[in-house]
Amino acid sequence: MNTSLDATRVAGDALPIVDISDLCASDPETRRAVGAKLRAACIDKGFFYCAGHGIPQGLIDAVFEETKRFFDQPEEAKLAIEKSRVSRCNRGYEVLGGQVLESGAPPDRKEGYYIGLELPEDDSRVVAGRFNRGPNVWPSDLPGFEPVMAAYFEAMRRLSERLMKGIALSLDLEESYFDTFRRDPVATLRLLHYPPQRDDAEPNEKGAGAHTDWGALTLLLQDGVGGLQVLDKNTGGWLHADPVPGTFVVNLGDALAHWTNDMYKSTLHRVVNASGRERYSVPYFYDGDADYEVTCIPTCLKAGEKPKYAPITVEGHLMNMYRRSYG
């Protein structure tokens, strides 16, 4: 893979914008037409801009405001809720350089904050020690933070469910095909802050190293700074995924690639913040029911083709990927 940090800017139609508002239409053919557009995007790069999502701009603005407030706090305030100290379920603050997404590269130049489904300590899933299940950790001196993030988390869950119905239609399946997968989903909201790329950066140092996402869908809210780059598998070069107002970036994770025997693409992407400014982004990772077994969808197999991946539960897959990323 090319280790240059350069990327190419391309015409807008090279990175598709899919308006999903018609997934709510009463006419089945209208919904299937959206599925056809999703199919084209998922087969090509596994990446698209999602328009017509219905998330209020006021909520989006509030998420960015609270994100900046959190990261602008003194270091000691953030470290007081550092996730390895205060959480058994990967919630709270992650220090700058706390993750290595690209094998052999320096630690990522970003700091983060993890939020998941809020569960009390006496919930059966928490008592059983299920992966990534438990209570959230909230900053004590930012009163608007928790209600804003809780509202956004729920809005993203509903949007992800709608998109999964669209993905089912894109595969010529019943809209309800993924209903079991959506039953008790594991999902993570991450707030991310990327300082500007350093002039004296280590070789191959980036805001986020080249990686694919782990679960089914990632819905990314990015500010206007830019820096997200997507690998073009046809050329081996990187493409700038510049911010498009009013949209989310949606990319497919490994689970959907495995489901479809790689007919749908799990997109390799990275972040290089060469803007000279602070960058903020907020990805929502929708990973599905922990007990759901991801196994190849038979209709995705070509004639004579065999499944490439052994069946595995969502929880097992996430645990494997987490160990790979954090050692």
C-alpha atoms as a PDB file:
ATOM      1  CA  MET A   1       0.000   0.000   0.000  1.00  0.00           C
ATOM      2  CA  ASN A   2       1.196   3.505  -0.822  1.00  0.00           C
ATOM      3  CA  THR A   3       2.457   5.137   2.404  1.00  0.00           C
ATOM      4  CA  SER A   4       2.361   8.694   1.034  1.00  0.00           C
ATOM      5  CA  LEU A   5       0.022  11.000   2.942  1.00  0.00           C
ATOM      6  CA  ASP A   6      -1.135  12.637  -0.285  1.00  0.00           C
ATOM      7  CA  ALA A   7      -4.631  12.162  -1.672  1.00  0.00           C
ATOM      8  CA  THR A   8      -6.524  13.206  -4.797  1.00  0.00           C
ATOM      9  CA  ARG A   9      -9.568  15.426  -5.055  1.00  0.00           C
ATOM     10  CA  VAL A  10     -12.135  14.009  -7.426  1.00  0.00           C
ATOM     11  CA  ALA A  11     -15.367  15.094  -9.059  1.00  0.00           C
ATOM     12  CA  GLY A  12     -18.318  15.031  -6.717  1.00  0.00           C
ATOM     13  CA  ASP A  13     -20.071  12.180  -8.510  1.00  0.00           C
ATOM     14  CA  ALA A  14     -17.082   9.856  -7.965  1.00  0.00           C
ATOM     15  CA  LEU A  15     -18.142   9.595  -4.302  1.00  0.00           C
ATOM     16  CA  PRO A  16     -21.894   8.998  -4.397  1.00  0.00           C
ATOM     17  CA  ILE A  17     -24.531  10.961  -2.513  1.00  0.00           C
ATOM     18  CA  VAL A  18     -27.568   8.803  -1.726  1.00  0.00           C
ATOM     19  CA  ASP A  19     -30.779  10.486  -0.565  1.00  0.00           C
ATOM     20  CA  ILE A  20     -32.495   7.969   1.714  1.00  0.00           C
ATOM     21  CA  SER A  21     -35.639   9.984   2.454  1.00  0.00           C
ATOM     22  CA  ASP A  22     -37.693   7.683   0.195  1.00  0.00           C
ATOM     23  CA  LEU A  23     -36.939   4.710   2.446  1.00  0.00           C
ATOM     24  CA  CYS A  24     -39.914   6.049   4.412  1.00  0.00           C
ATOM     25  CA  ALA A  25     -42.189   6.126   1.355  1.00  0.00           C
ATOM     26  CA  SER A  26     -45.362   4.047   1.399  1.00  0.00           C
ATOM     27  CA  ASP A  27     -44.778   2.742  -2.129  1.00  0.00           C
ATOM     28  CA  PRO A  28     -42.545  -0.400  -2.138  1.00  0.00           C
ATOM     29  CA  GLU A  29     -41.126   0.391  -5.574  1.00  0.00           C
ATOM     30  CA  THR A  30     -40.011   3.816  -4.380  1.00  0.00           C
ATOM     31  CA  ARG A  31     -38.193   2.201  -1.443  1.00  0.00           C
ATOM     32  CA  ARG A  32     -36.596  -0.379  -3.732  1.00  0.00           C
ATOM     33  CA  ALA A  33     -35.281   2.428  -5.952  1.00  0.00           C
ATOM     34  CA  VAL A  34     -33.285   3.721  -2.968  1.00  0.00           C
ATOM     35  CA  GLY A  35     -32.050   0.172  -2.409  1.00  0.00           C
ATOM     36  CA  ALA A  36     -30.732   0.105  -5.977  1.00  0.00           C
ATOM     37  CA  LYS A  37     -28.718   3.293  -5.351  1.00  0.00           C
ATOM     38  CA  LEU A  38     -27.333   1.842  -2.123  1.00  0.00           C
ATOM     39  CA  ARG A  39     -26.347  -1.330  -3.961  1.00  0.00           C
ATOM     40  CA  ALA A  40     -24.315   0.606  -6.527  1.00  0.00           C
ATOM     41  CA  ALA A  41     -22.473   2.509  -3.771  1.00  0.00           C
ATOM     42  CA  CYS A  42     -21.835  -0.609  -1.678  1.00  0.00           C
ATOM     43  CA  ILE A  43     -20.446  -2.623  -4.593  1.00  0.00           C
ATOM     44  CA  ASP A  44     -18.202   0.217  -5.786  1.00  0.00           C
ATOM     45  CA  LYS A  45     -16.425   1.585  -2.695  1.00  0.00           C
ATOM     46  CA  GLY A  46     -18.621   0.624   0.240  1.00  0.00           C
ATOM     47  CA  PHE A  47     -18.814   4.331   0.940  1.00  0.00           C
ATOM     48  CA  PHE A  48     -21.355   7.072   0.307  1.00  0.00           C
ATOM     49  CA  TYR A  49     -22.682  10.390   1.584  1.00  0.00           C
ATOM     50  CA  CYS A  50     -26.093   9.964   3.194  1.00  0.00           C
ATOM     51  CA  ALA A  51     -28.554  12.796   2.510  1.00  0.00           C
ATOM     52  CA  GLY A  52     -32.220  13.011   3.458  1.00  0.00           C
ATOM     53  CA  HIS A  53     -31.487  11.489   6.857  1.00  0.00           C
ATOM     54  CA  GLY A  54     -33.835  13.710   8.870  1.00  0.00           C
ATOM     55  CA  ILE A  55     -31.482  14.417  11.794  1.00  0.00           C
ATOM     56  CA  PRO A  56     -32.156  17.999  12.977  1.00  0.00           C
ATOM     57  CA  GLN A  57     -29.361  20.474  12.328  1.00  0.00           C
ATOM     58  CA  GLY A  58     -29.846  21.864  15.834  1.00  0.00           C
ATOM     59  CA  LEU A  59     -28.937  18.498  17.345  1.00  0.00           C
ATOM     60  CA  ILE A  60     -25.893  18.191  15.076  1.00  0.00           C
ATOM     61  CA  ASP A  61     -24.711  21.673  16.079  1.00  0.00           C
ATOM     62  CA  ALA A  62     -25.177  20.841  19.759  1.00  0.00           C
ATOM     63  CA  VAL A  63     -23.109  17.655  19.381  1.00  0.00           C
ATOM     64  CA  PHE A  64     -20.202  19.617  17.939  1.00  0.00           C
ATOM     65  CA  GLU A  65     -20.488  22.305  20.619  1.00  0.00           C
ATOM     66  CA  GLU A  66     -20.402  19.771  23.456  1.00  0.00           C
ATOM     67  CA  THR A  67     -17.593  17.822  21.782  1.00  0.00           C
ATOM     68  CA  LYS A  68     -15.409  20.919  21.600  1.00  0.00           C
ATOM     69  CA  ARG A  69     -16.248  21.856  25.189  1.00  0.00           C
ATOM     70  CA  PHE A  70     -15.134  18.445  26.377  1.00  0.00           C
ATOM     71  CA  PHE A  71     -11.796  18.417  24.545  1.00  0.00           C
ATOM     72  CA  ASP A  72     -11.089  22.042  25.506  1.00  0.00           C
ATOM     73  CA  GLN A  73     -11.024  21.035  29.172  1.00  0.00           C
ATOM     74  CA  PRO A  74      -7.722  20.874  31.073  1.00  0.00           C
ATOM     75  CA  GLU A  75      -5.900  17.567  30.715  1.00  0.00           C
ATOM     76  CA  GLU A  76      -6.459  16.647  34.348  1.00  0.00           C
ATOM     77  CA  ALA A  77     -10.233  16.948  33.934  1.00  0.00           C
ATOM     78  CA  LYS A  78     -10.196  14.562  30.977  1.00  0.00           C
ATOM     79  CA  LEU A  79      -7.839  12.121  32.662  1.00  0.00           C
ATOM     80  CA  ALA A  80     -10.205  11.935  35.650  1.00  0.00           C
ATOM     81  CA  ILE A  81     -12.552   9.909  33.419  1.00  0.00           C
ATOM     82  CA  GLU A  82      -9.922   8.072  31.350  1.00  0.00           C
ATOM     83  CA  LYS A  83     -11.586   4.848  30.262  1.00  0.00           C
ATOM     84  CA  SER A  84      -9.039   2.312  31.494  1.00  0.00           C
ATOM     85  CA  ARG A  85      -9.280   3.804  34.988  1.00  0.00           C
ATOM     86  CA  VAL A  86     -13.018   4.271  35.394  1.00  0.00           C
ATOM     87  CA  SER A  87     -14.790   1.782  33.127  1.00  0.00           C
ATOM     88  CA  ARG A  88     -14.941  -1.958  32.606  1.00  0.00           C
ATOM     89  CA  CYS A  89     -16.837  -1.557  29.333  1.00  0.00           C
ATOM     90  CA  ASN A  90     -14.669   0.827  27.331  1.00  0.00           C
ATOM     91  CA  ARG A  91     -16.438   4.093  28.174  1.00  0.00           C
ATOM     92  CA  GLY A  92     -14.937   7.498  28.803  1.00  0.00           C
ATOM     93  CA  TYR A  93     -11.873   9.401  27.636  1.00  0.00           C
ATOM     94  CA  GLU A  94      -9.115   7.975  25.443  1.00  0.00           C
ATOM     95  CA  VAL A  95      -5.775   9.780  25.526  1.00  0.00           C
ATOM     96  CA  LEU A  96      -3.956  11.183  22.517  1.00  0.00           C
ATOM     97  CA  GLY A  97      -2.107   8.298  20.879  1.00  0.00           C
ATOM     98  CA  GLY A  98      -4.145   5.693  22.744  1.00  0.00           C
ATOM     99  CA  GLN A  99      -4.956   3.630  19.650  1.00  0.00           C
ATOM    100  CA  VAL A 100      -2.938   2.155  16.771  1.00  0.00           C
ATOM    101  CA  LEU A 101      -5.257   1.447  13.857  1.00  0.00           C
ATOM    102  CA  GLU A 102      -2.569   0.753  11.242  1.00  0.00           C
ATOM    103  CA  SER A 103      -0.155  -2.062  11.969  1.00  0.00           C
ATOM    104  CA  GLY A 104       3.453  -0.858  11.951  1.00  0.00           C
ATOM    105  CA  ALA A 105       2.525   2.838  12.017  1.00  0.00           C
ATOM    106  CA  PRO A 106       2.984   5.236  14.951  1.00  0.00           C
ATOM    107  CA  PRO A 107       0.056   5.701  17.379  1.00  0.00           C
ATOM    108  CA  ASP A 108      -2.876   7.677  15.987  1.00  0.00           C
ATOM    109  CA  ARG A 109      -2.734  11.441  16.583  1.00  0.00           C
ATOM    110  CA  LYS A 110      -6.208  11.749  18.026  1.00  0.00           C
ATOM    111  CA  GLU A 111      -7.945  11.787  21.388  1.00  0.00           C
ATOM    112  CA  GLY A 112     -11.419  10.400  21.885  1.00  0.00           C
ATOM    113  CA  TYR A 113     -14.414   9.769  24.094  1.00  0.00           C
ATOM    114  CA  TYR A 114     -16.530   6.587  24.070  1.00  0.00           C
ATOM    115  CA  ILE A 115     -20.290   6.376  24.659  1.00  0.00           C
ATOM    116  CA  GLY A 116     -22.472   3.278  24.370  1.00  0.00           C
ATOM    117  CA  LEU A 117     -25.918   2.013  25.245  1.00  0.00           C
ATOM    118  CA  GLU A 118     -26.639   3.075  28.834  1.00  0.00           C
ATOM    119  CA  LEU A 119     -27.090  -0.030  31.021  1.00  0.00           C
ATOM    120  CA  PRO A 120     -27.136  -0.172  34.834  1.00  0.00           C
ATOM    121  CA  GLU A 121     -24.702  -2.348  36.749  1.00  0.00           C
ATOM    122  CA  ASP A 122     -27.477  -4.801  37.673  1.00  0.00           C
ATOM    123  CA  ASP A 123     -28.541  -5.409  34.048  1.00  0.00           C
ATOM    124  CA  SER A 124     -28.141  -9.103  33.208  1.00  0.00           C
ATOM    125  CA  ARG A 125     -25.864  -8.312  30.266  1.00  0.00           C
ATOM    126  CA  VAL A 126     -23.559  -6.276  32.509  1.00  0.00           C
ATOM    127  CA  VAL A 127     -23.569  -8.870  35.298  1.00  0.00           C
ATOM    128  CA  ALA A 128     -22.606 -11.514  32.735  1.00  0.00           C
ATOM    129  CA  GLY A 129     -19.639  -9.402  31.599  1.00  0.00           C
ATOM    130  CA  ARG A 130     -20.799  -9.108  27.998  1.00  0.00           C
ATOM    131  CA  PHE A 131     -18.459  -7.184  25.734  1.00  0.00           C
ATOM    132  CA  ASN A 132     -18.917  -3.405  25.724  1.00  0.00           C
ATOM    133  CA  ARG A 133     -21.995  -3.526  27.975  1.00  0.00           C
ATOM    134  CA  GLY A 134     -22.419  -1.279  30.993  1.00  0.00           C
ATOM    135  CA  PRO A 135     -22.970   2.272  32.218  1.00  0.00           C
ATOM    136  CA  ASN A 136     -21.566   5.322  30.515  1.00  0.00           C
ATOM    137  CA  VAL A 137     -19.120   7.711  32.146  1.00  0.00           C
ATOM    138  CA  TRP A 138     -20.097  11.380  32.014  1.00  0.00           C
ATOM    139  CA  PRO A 139     -18.086  14.549  32.723  1.00  0.00           C
ATOM    140  CA  SER A 140     -19.299  16.142  35.948  1.00  0.00           C
ATOM    141  CA  ASP A 141     -18.915  19.814  34.993  1.00  0.00           C
ATOM    142  CA  LEU A 142     -20.534  19.906  31.516  1.00  0.00           C
ATOM    143  CA  PRO A 143     -24.283  19.871  32.254  1.00  0.00           C
ATOM    144  CA  GLY A 144     -25.382  19.854  28.616  1.00  0.00           C
ATOM    145  CA  PHE A 145     -23.097  17.008  27.569  1.00  0.00           C
ATOM    146  CA  GLU A 146     -25.062  13.933  28.666  1.00  0.00           C
ATOM    147  CA  PRO A 147     -28.534  14.956  27.400  1.00  0.00           C
ATOM    148  CA  VAL A 148     -27.171  16.016  24.009  1.00  0.00           C
ATOM    149  CA  MET A 149     -25.145  12.845  23.507  1.00  0.00           C
ATOM    150  CA  ALA A 150     -27.962  10.591  24.728  1.00  0.00           C
ATOM    151  CA  ALA A 151     -30.383  12.219  22.263  1.00  0.00           C
ATOM    152  CA  TYR A 152     -27.896  11.921  19.414  1.00  0.00           C
ATOM    153  CA  PHE A 153     -27.110   8.274  20.242  1.00  0.00           C
ATOM    154  CA  GLU A 154     -30.808   7.415  20.000  1.00  0.00           C
ATOM    155  CA  ALA A 155     -31.211   9.355  16.743  1.00  0.00           C
ATOM    156  CA  MET A 156     -28.279   7.468  15.235  1.00  0.00           C
ATOM    157  CA  ARG A 157     -29.731   4.134  16.332  1.00  0.00           C
ATOM    158  CA  ARG A 158     -33.002   4.879  14.537  1.00  0.00           C
ATOM    159  CA  LEU A 159     -31.185   6.077  11.417  1.00  0.00           C
ATOM    160  CA  SER A 160     -29.014   2.943  11.398  1.00  0.00           C
ATOM    161  CA  GLU A 161     -32.099   0.740  11.579  1.00  0.00           C
ATOM    162  CA  ARG A 162     -33.580   2.561   8.597  1.00  0.00           C
ATOM    163  CA  LEU A 163     -30.350   2.114   6.657  1.00  0.00           C
ATOM    164  CA  MET A 164     -30.275  -1.607   7.428  1.00  0.00           C
ATOM    165  CA  LYS A 165     -33.726  -1.912   5.838  1.00  0.00           C
ATOM    166  CA  GLY A 166     -32.277  -0.146   2.805  1.00  0.00           C
ATOM    167  CA  ILE A 167     -29.294  -2.513   2.763  1.00  0.00           C
ATOM    168  CA  ALA A 168     -31.703  -5.469   2.814  1.00  0.00           C
ATOM    169  CA  LEU A 169     -33.553  -4.015  -0.183  1.00  0.00           C
ATOM    170  CA  SER A 170     -30.234  -3.437  -1.937  1.00  0.00           C
ATOM    171  CA  LEU A 171     -29.566  -7.185  -1.701  1.00  0.00           C
ATOM    172  CA  ASP A 172     -33.039  -8.071  -3.034  1.00  0.00           C
ATOM    173  CA  LEU A 173     -34.019  -9.338   0.418  1.00  0.00           C
ATOM    174  CA  GLU A 174     -37.110  -8.631   2.472  1.00  0.00           C
ATOM    175  CA  GLU A 175     -36.861  -5.343   4.361  1.00  0.00           C
ATOM    176  CA  SER A 176     -37.178  -7.327   7.585  1.00  0.00           C
ATOM    177  CA  TYR A 177     -34.155  -9.536   6.831  1.00  0.00           C
ATOM    178  CA  PHE A 178     -31.910  -7.834   9.401  1.00  0.00           C
ATOM    179  CA  ASP A 179     -34.565  -7.427  12.105  1.00  0.00           C
ATOM    180  CA  THR A 180     -32.944 -10.064  14.348  1.00  0.00           C
ATOM    181  CA  PHE A 181     -29.573  -8.381  13.873  1.00  0.00           C
ATOM    182  CA  ARG A 182     -31.146  -5.108  15.053  1.00  0.00           C
ATOM    183  CA  ARG A 183     -32.836  -6.641  18.125  1.00  0.00           C
ATOM    184  CA  ASP A 184     -30.327  -5.700  20.873  1.00  0.00           C
ATOM    185  CA  PRO A 185     -27.549  -3.871  19.053  1.00  0.00           C
ATOM    186  CA  VAL A 186     -24.063  -3.150  20.246  1.00  0.00           C
ATOM    187  CA  ALA A 187     -23.273   0.402  19.170  1.00  0.00           C
ATOM    188  CA  THR A 188     -20.608   2.957  20.019  1.00  0.00           C
ATOM    189  CA  LEU A 189     -20.567   6.727  19.669  1.00  0.00           C
ATOM    190  CA  ARG A 190     -17.058   8.206  19.580  1.00  0.00           C
ATOM    191  CA  LEU A 191     -16.158  11.849  19.848  1.00  0.00           C
ATOM    192  CA  LEU A 192     -12.791  12.525  18.203  1.00  0.00           C
ATOM    193  CA  HIS A 193     -10.369  15.444  18.230  1.00  0.00           C
ATOM    194  CA  TYR A 194      -7.482  15.537  15.754  1.00  0.00           C
ATOM    195  CA  PRO A 195      -4.738  18.132  16.330  1.00  0.00           C
ATOM    196  CA  PRO A 196      -3.092  19.429  13.148  1.00  0.00           C
ATOM    197  CA  GLN A 197      -0.505  17.186  11.499  1.00  0.00           C
ATOM    198  CA  ARG A 198       2.900  17.938  13.053  1.00  0.00           C
ATOM    199  CA  ASP A 199       5.764  19.348  11.007  1.00  0.00           C
ATOM    200  CA  ASP A 200       8.103  16.990  12.861  1.00  0.00           C
ATOM    201  CA  ALA A 201       5.789  13.978  12.640  1.00  0.00           C
ATOM    202  CA  GLU A 202       7.242  10.492  12.721  1.00  0.00           C
ATOM    203  CA  PRO A 203       7.314   8.661   9.373  1.00  0.00           C
ATOM    204  CA  ASN A 204       3.808   7.472   8.397  1.00  0.00           C
ATOM    205  CA  GLU A 205       2.228   9.262  11.385  1.00  0.00           C
ATOM    206  CA  LYS A 206      -1.414  10.187  10.806  1.00  0.00           C
ATOM    207  CA  GLY A 207      -4.482  11.300  12.679  1.00  0.00           C
ATOM    208  CA  ALA A 208      -5.921   7.818  12.174  1.00  0.00           C
ATOM    209  CA  GLY A 209      -4.042   5.012  10.490  1.00  0.00           C
ATOM    210  CA  ALA A 210      -5.443   3.151   7.500  1.00  0.00           C
ATOM    211  CA  HIS A 211      -8.118   0.707   8.650  1.00  0.00           C
ATOM    212  CA  THR A 212     -11.497  -0.802   7.938  1.00  0.00           C
ATOM    213  CA  ASP A 213     -14.301  -0.533  10.461  1.00  0.00           C
ATOM    214  CA  TRP A 214     -15.383  -3.623  12.312  1.00  0.00           C
ATOM    215  CA  GLY A 215     -19.148  -3.889  12.406  1.00  0.00           C
ATOM    216  CA  ALA A 216     -21.987  -3.294   9.960  1.00  0.00           C
ATOM    217  CA  LEU A 217     -22.305   0.463   9.427  1.00  0.00           C
ATOM    218  CA  THR A 218     -20.386   3.576  10.418  1.00  0.00           C
ATOM    219  CA  LEU A 219     -22.233   6.913  10.283  1.00  0.00           C
ATOM    220  CA  LEU A 220     -19.686   9.715  10.427  1.00  0.00           C
ATOM    221  CA  LEU A 221     -20.422  13.323  11.268  1.00  0.00           C
ATOM    222  CA  GLN A 222     -17.412  15.454  10.305  1.00  0.00           C
ATOM    223  CA  ASP A 223     -16.787  19.151  10.644  1.00  0.00           C
ATOM    224  CA  GLY A 224     -15.761  21.415   7.783  1.00  0.00           C
ATOM    225  CA  VAL A 225     -12.004  20.926   8.187  1.00  0.00           C
ATOM    226  CA  GLY A 226     -11.614  17.760   6.110  1.00  0.00           C
ATOM    227  CA  GLY A 227      -8.891  15.139   6.352  1.00  0.00           C
ATOM    228  CA  LEU A 228     -10.793  11.894   5.755  1.00  0.00           C
ATOM    229  CA  GLN A 229      -9.261   9.863   2.932  1.00  0.00           C
ATOM    230  CA  VAL A 230     -10.666   6.739   1.271  1.00  0.00           C
ATOM    231  CA  LEU A 231      -8.631   4.157  -0.643  1.00  0.00           C
ATOM    232  CA  ASP A 232      -9.559   3.746  -4.302  1.00  0.00           C
ATOM    233  CA  LYS A 233      -8.971   0.028  -4.848  1.00  0.00           C
ATOM    234  CA  ASN A 234      -8.982   0.528  -8.615  1.00  0.00           C
ATOM    235  CA  THR A 235      -5.936   2.806  -8.592  1.00  0.00           C
ATOM    236  CA  GLY A 236      -4.327   2.106  -5.210  1.00  0.00           C
ATOM    237  CA  GLY A 237      -4.421   5.840  -4.474  1.00  0.00           C
ATOM    238  CA  TRP A 238      -6.251   7.800  -1.800  1.00  0.00           C
ATOM    239  CA  LEU A 239      -9.265  10.042  -2.409  1.00  0.00           C
ATOM    240  CA  HIS A 240     -10.256  13.015  -0.273  1.00  0.00           C
ATOM    241  CA  ALA A 241     -13.714  12.525   1.249  1.00  0.00           C
ATOM    242  CA  ASP A 242     -14.348  16.221   1.709  1.00  0.00           C
ATOM    243  CA  PRO A 243     -17.225  17.278   3.978  1.00  0.00           C
ATOM    244  CA  VAL A 244     -20.580  17.693   2.193  1.00  0.00           C
ATOM    245  CA  PRO A 245     -22.997  19.898   4.178  1.00  0.00           C
ATOM    246  CA  GLY A 246     -26.182  18.198   5.293  1.00  0.00           C
ATOM    247  CA  THR A 247     -24.839  14.652   4.935  1.00  0.00           C
ATOM    248  CA  PHE A 248     -23.245  11.874   6.929  1.00  0.00           C
ATOM    249  CA  VAL A 249     -20.433   9.769   5.564  1.00  0.00           C
ATOM    250  CA  VAL A 250     -21.564   6.142   5.659  1.00  0.00           C
ATOM    251  CA  ASN A 251     -19.125   3.302   5.181  1.00  0.00           C
ATOM    252  CA  LEU A 252     -19.586  -0.426   5.472  1.00  0.00           C
ATOM    253  CA  GLY A 253     -17.707  -2.433   8.057  1.00  0.00           C
ATOM    254  CA  ASP A 254     -16.204  -5.894   7.951  1.00  0.00           C
ATOM    255  CA  ALA A 255     -19.422  -7.608   9.069  1.00  0.00           C
ATOM    256  CA  LEU A 256     -21.290  -6.541   5.922  1.00  0.00           C
ATOM    257  CA  ALA A 257     -18.349  -7.510   3.740  1.00  0.00           C
ATOM    258  CA  HIS A 258     -18.342 -10.972   5.345  1.00  0.00           C
ATOM    259  CA  TRP A 259     -22.121 -11.288   4.992  1.00  0.00           C
ATOM    260  CA  THR A 260     -21.897 -10.609   1.271  1.00  0.00           C
ATOM    261  CA  ASN A 261     -18.675 -12.575   0.631  1.00  0.00           C
ATOM    262  CA  ASP A 262     -16.948  -9.283  -0.228  1.00  0.00           C
ATOM    263  CA  MET A 263     -19.521  -8.337  -2.876  1.00  0.00           C
ATOM    264  CA  TYR A 264     -20.044  -5.246  -0.699  1.00  0.00           C
ATOM    265  CA  LYS A 265     -16.841  -3.465   0.222  1.00  0.00           C
ATOM    266  CA  SER A 266     -15.432  -2.697   3.662  1.00  0.00           C
ATOM    267  CA  THR A 267     -13.654   0.546   2.894  1.00  0.00           C
ATOM    268  CA  LEU A 268     -10.042   1.175   3.898  1.00  0.00           C
ATOM    269  CA  HIS A 269      -9.789   4.764   5.117  1.00  0.00           C
ATOM    270  CA  ARG A 270      -7.571   7.064   7.193  1.00  0.00           C
ATOM    271  CA  VAL A 271      -7.340  10.618   8.517  1.00  0.00           C
ATOM    272  CA  VAL A 272      -4.585  13.105   7.683  1.00  0.00           C
ATOM    273  CA  ASN A 273      -5.302  16.515   9.201  1.00  0.00           C
ATOM    274  CA  ALA A 274      -3.075  18.731   7.060  1.00  0.00           C
ATOM    275  CA  SER A 275      -5.372  21.746   7.481  1.00  0.00           C
ATOM    276  CA  GLY A 276      -3.351  23.462  10.213  1.00  0.00           C
ATOM    277  CA  ARG A 277      -6.582  23.597  12.286  1.00  0.00           C
ATOM    278  CA  GLU A 278      -8.197  21.452  14.949  1.00  0.00           C
ATOM    279  CA  ARG A 279     -10.464  18.763  13.482  1.00  0.00           C
ATOM    280  CA  TYR A 280     -13.501  17.181  15.160  1.00  0.00           C
ATOM    281  CA  SER A 281     -15.537  14.223  14.008  1.00  0.00           C
ATOM    282  CA  VAL A 282     -18.201  12.009  15.556  1.00  0.00           C
ATOM    283  CA  PRO A 283     -18.533   8.451  14.221  1.00  0.00           C
ATOM    284  CA  TYR A 284     -21.375   6.168  15.287  1.00  0.00           C
ATOM    285  CA  PHE A 285     -20.553   2.481  14.919  1.00  0.00           C
ATOM    286  CA  TYR A 286     -23.578   0.234  14.482  1.00  0.00           C
ATOM    287  CA  ASP A 287     -22.478  -3.337  15.121  1.00  0.00           C
ATOM    288  CA  GLY A 288     -25.673  -5.287  15.750  1.00  0.00           C
ATOM    289  CA  ASP A 289     -26.934  -7.865  18.226  1.00  0.00           C
ATOM    290  CA  ALA A 290     -24.029  -9.434  20.146  1.00  0.00           C
ATOM    291  CA  ASP A 291     -25.378 -12.979  19.709  1.00  0.00           C
ATOM    292  CA  TYR A 292     -26.164 -12.667  16.018  1.00  0.00           C
ATOM    293  CA  GLU A 293     -24.105 -15.046  13.882  1.00  0.00           C
ATOM    294  CA  VAL A 294     -22.686 -13.346  10.808  1.00  0.00           C
ATOM    295  CA  THR A 295     -22.644 -15.928   8.044  1.00  0.00           C
ATOM    296  CA  CYS A 296     -22.611 -15.559   4.276  1.00  0.00           C
ATOM    297  CA  ILE A 297     -25.929 -14.635   2.646  1.00  0.00           C
ATOM    298  CA  PRO A 298     -26.448 -17.443   0.083  1.00  0.00           C
ATOM    299  CA  THR A 299     -27.799 -15.123  -2.611  1.00  0.00           C
ATOM    300  CA  CYS A 300     -24.509 -13.177  -2.525  1.00  0.00           C
ATOM    301  CA  LEU A 301     -22.528 -16.202  -3.750  1.00  0.00           C
ATOM    302  CA  LYS A 302     -21.675 -16.398  -7.419  1.00  0.00           C
ATOM    303  CA  ALA A 303     -22.063 -19.706  -9.224  1.00  0.00           C
ATOM    304  CA  GLY A 304     -19.532 -22.174  -7.789  1.00  0.00           C
ATOM    305  CA  GLU A 305     -18.295 -19.696  -5.191  1.00  0.00           C
ATOM    306  CA  LYS A 306     -17.814 -20.750  -1.573  1.00  0.00           C
ATOM    307  CA  PRO A 307     -18.004 -18.549   1.553  1.00  0.00           C
ATOM    308  CA  LYS A 308     -14.657 -16.918   2.350  1.00  0.00           C
ATOM    309  CA  TYR A 309     -15.332 -16.404   6.060  1.00  0.00           C
ATOM    310  CA  ALA A 310     -16.303 -18.775   8.842  1.00  0.00           C
ATOM    311  CA  PRO A 311     -19.482 -17.873  10.744  1.00  0.00           C
ATOM    312  CA  ILE A 312     -18.849 -15.827  13.896  1.00  0.00           C
ATOM    313  CA  THR A 313     -21.015 -13.938  16.357  1.00  0.00           C
ATOM    314  CA  VAL A 314     -20.971 -10.170  16.414  1.00  0.00           C
ATOM    315  CA  GLU A 315     -19.497 -10.241  19.925  1.00  0.00           C
ATOM    316  CA  GLY A 316     -16.750 -12.692  18.952  1.00  0.00           C
ATOM    317  CA  HIS A 317     -15.799 -10.618  15.925  1.00  0.00           C
ATOM    318  CA  LEU A 318     -15.682  -7.361  17.892  1.00  0.00           C
ATOM    319  CA  MET A 319     -13.554  -8.902  20.619  1.00  0.00           C
ATOM    320  CA  ASN A 320     -11.072 -10.174  18.035  1.00  0.00           C
ATOM    321  CA  MET A 321     -10.806  -6.757  16.403  1.00  0.00           C
ATOM    322  CA  TYR A 322     -10.511  -4.926  19.713  1.00  0.00           C
ATOM    323  CA  ARG A 323      -7.577  -7.134  20.758  1.00  0.00           C
ATOM    324  CA  ARG A 324      -5.901  -6.482  17.394  1.00  0.00           C
ATOM    325  CA  SER A 325      -6.264  -2.698  17.770  1.00  0.00           C
ATOM    326  CA  TYR A 326      -5.308  -2.381  21.447  1.00  0.00           C
ATOM    327  CA  GLY A 327      -3.018  -5.391  21.882  1.00  0.00           C
END
